[in-house]
């Protein structure tokens, strides 16, 4: 076992329905989204416990799914039930919405319907799998 010792739960050694996973080669760590305990944890391979890095309260995340980290350590999270993408500056626990509208789903270009995955290209343009709209959207770096 790499992460999530001790079964489902709230403890530092436990995970709660992990969906998103990103491997950081520089720190030899996994960045994991906990869907049912809406947080992002940083888990160094070989450690027994994870470290909370984003989403420490219910206003930050509702159901984090996909997660990515840019070269500066900023975290991008597909907050699926909230129909948005949250951005957490490196070292910050509370994020801000950078795509989508919190709690609003739809089909036009400014909203999502259950976004699940995010990724970045080399220019840090953001790509979002807008699952229930059956599309992938790209957002240029601003």
Protein backbone atom coordinates (compact mmCIF):
# COMPACT_ATOMS: atom_id res chain seq x y z
CA UNK A 1 0.00 0.00 0.00
CA UNK A 2 1.29 3.44 -0.93
CA UNK A 3 -1.43 5.68 0.57
CA UNK A 4 -4.59 5.25 2.59
CA UNK A 5 -3.63 2.90 5.39
CA UNK A 6 -6.29 1.89 7.87
CA UNK A 7 -9.37 1.97 5.63
CA UNK A 8 -11.91 4.68 4.97
CA UNK A 9 -11.78 7.56 7.41
CA UNK A 10 -10.83 11.04 8.45
CA UNK A 11 -7.38 10.36 9.90
CA UNK A 12 -4.08 11.54 8.39
CA UNK A 13 -3.29 7.95 7.35
CA UNK A 14 -6.67 7.42 5.68
CA UNK A 15 -8.38 8.41 2.44
CA UNK A 16 -12.05 8.88 1.67
CA UNK A 17 -12.99 7.83 -1.88
CA UNK A 18 -9.85 8.99 -3.72
CA UNK A 19 -10.52 9.80 -7.39
CA UNK A 20 -7.86 12.18 -8.64
CA UNK A 21 -4.19 11.30 -8.63
CA UNK A 22 -1.14 13.23 -9.78
CA UNK A 23 2.47 12.11 -9.32
CA UNK A 24 5.02 14.86 -8.63
CA UNK A 25 8.41 13.58 -9.80
CA UNK A 26 10.32 16.35 -8.05
CA UNK A 27 9.11 15.47 -4.55
CA UNK A 28 8.36 11.78 -5.18
CA UNK A 29 4.83 12.44 -3.94
CA UNK A 30 1.25 11.74 -4.89
CA UNK A 31 -1.32 14.53 -4.90
CA UNK A 32 -4.67 12.88 -4.19
CA UNK A 33 -8.21 14.23 -4.31
CA UNK A 34 -10.52 12.87 -1.59
CA UNK A 35 -14.02 12.97 -3.03
CA UNK A 36 -16.09 12.28 0.10
CA UNK A 37 -13.82 14.24 2.42
CA UNK A 38 -13.41 17.19 0.06
CA UNK A 39 -9.71 17.84 0.38
CA UNK A 40 -6.49 17.50 -1.53
CA UNK A 41 -3.65 15.68 0.23
CA UNK A 42 0.06 15.44 -0.55
CA UNK A 43 1.43 11.97 0.15
CA UNK A 44 5.17 11.40 -0.11
CA UNK A 45 5.83 7.85 -1.30
CA UNK A 46 6.96 5.82 1.71
CA UNK A 47 5.29 8.03 4.34
CA UNK A 48 2.54 6.65 6.54
CA UNK A 49 0.49 9.89 6.62
CA UNK A 50 -0.63 12.43 4.06
CA UNK A 51 -0.55 16.21 4.44
CA UNK A 52 -3.55 18.44 3.77
CA UNK A 53 -2.68 20.94 1.02
CA UNK A 54 -6.04 22.32 -0.20
CA UNK A 55 -9.70 22.43 0.69
CA UNK A 56 -9.81 22.64 4.44
CA UNK A 57 -13.46 23.71 4.65
CA UNK A 58 -16.76 23.02 2.91
CA UNK A 59 -16.68 26.30 0.94
CA UNK A 60 -13.43 25.36 -0.82
CA UNK A 61 -14.44 22.05 -2.40
CA UNK A 62 -17.55 19.90 -2.61
CA UNK A 63 -16.43 16.80 -4.51
CA UNK A 64 -12.90 17.04 -5.90
CA UNK A 65 -12.25 14.66 -8.76
CA UNK A 66 -9.35 15.38 -11.12
CA UNK A 67 -6.25 17.19 -9.86
CA UNK A 68 -3.12 18.67 -11.47
CA UNK A 69 -0.14 20.63 -10.21
CA UNK A 70 1.80 23.17 -12.26
CA UNK A 71 5.58 23.72 -12.05
CA UNK A 72 5.09 26.48 -9.43
CA UNK A 73 3.18 24.14 -7.11
CA UNK A 74 -0.26 25.62 -7.81
CA UNK A 75 -3.10 23.10 -7.73
CA UNK A 76 -6.01 22.82 -10.20
CA UNK A 77 -9.04 20.77 -9.12
CA UNK A 78 -12.16 19.65 -10.98
CA UNK A 79 -14.82 20.22 -8.30
CA UNK A 80 -17.39 18.01 -9.99
CA UNK A 81 -20.65 18.59 -8.02
CA UNK A 82 -20.01 22.36 -8.01
CA UNK A 83 -19.51 22.40 -11.82
CA UNK A 84 -16.28 24.39 -11.57
CA UNK A 85 -12.49 24.34 -11.59
CA UNK A 86 -10.81 25.56 -8.42
CA UNK A 87 -7.31 27.03 -8.36
CA UNK A 88 -5.17 26.91 -5.21
CA UNK A 89 -2.03 29.02 -5.11
CA UNK A 90 0.90 27.07 -3.76
CA UNK A 91 0.63 26.98 0.03
CA UNK A 92 -2.98 28.25 0.13
CA UNK A 93 -5.83 26.13 1.53
CA UNK A 94 -8.70 28.18 0.09
CA UNK A 95 -9.06 28.28 -3.68
CA UNK A 96 -10.82 30.44 -6.20
CA UNK A 97 -12.97 29.51 -9.16
CA UNK A 98 -11.15 29.97 -12.47
CA UNK A 99 -13.64 28.21 -14.79
CA UNK A 100 -17.33 27.42 -14.50
CA UNK A 101 -19.87 28.97 -12.15
CA UNK A 102 -20.29 27.53 -8.67
CA UNK A 103 -23.39 25.36 -8.47
CA UNK A 104 -24.56 26.19 -12.01
CA UNK A 105 -24.54 23.60 -14.77
CA UNK A 106 -25.36 24.09 -18.43
CA UNK A 107 -24.16 23.69 -21.98
CA UNK A 108 -22.76 27.07 -23.00
CA UNK A 109 -19.00 27.68 -23.05
CA UNK A 110 -18.87 29.41 -19.65
CA UNK A 111 -20.38 26.56 -17.61
CA UNK A 112 -19.77 22.86 -17.04
CA UNK A 113 -21.85 19.83 -16.25
CA UNK A 114 -19.92 17.52 -13.91
CA UNK A 115 -16.30 18.27 -14.90
CA UNK A 116 -14.11 15.34 -13.87
CA UNK A 117 -10.57 15.72 -15.17
CA UNK A 118 -8.10 18.56 -15.67
CA UNK A 119 -4.68 18.74 -17.25
CA UNK A 120 -2.21 21.38 -18.37
CA UNK A 121 0.02 21.66 -21.42
CA UNK A 122 3.56 23.08 -21.49
CA UNK A 123 2.21 26.65 -21.90
CA UNK A 124 -0.06 26.06 -18.85
CA UNK A 125 -3.25 26.14 -20.89
CA UNK A 126 -5.96 24.30 -18.99
CA UNK A 127 -7.96 21.40 -20.46
CA UNK A 128 -11.16 20.24 -18.78
CA UNK A 129 -13.15 17.05 -19.42
CA UNK A 130 -16.69 18.37 -19.15
CA UNK A 131 -18.10 14.87 -18.83
CA UNK A 132 -21.87 15.28 -18.87
CA UNK A 133 -21.62 17.83 -21.71
CA UNK A 134 -19.59 15.27 -23.72
CA UNK A 135 -16.78 17.70 -24.50
CA UNK A 136 -13.28 18.82 -23.63
CA UNK A 137 -12.75 22.54 -23.20
CA UNK A 138 -9.50 24.48 -23.35
CA UNK A 139 -8.79 27.67 -21.43
CA UNK A 140 -5.76 29.70 -22.39
CA UNK A 141 -3.40 30.72 -19.66
CA UNK A 142 -4.18 34.22 -18.49
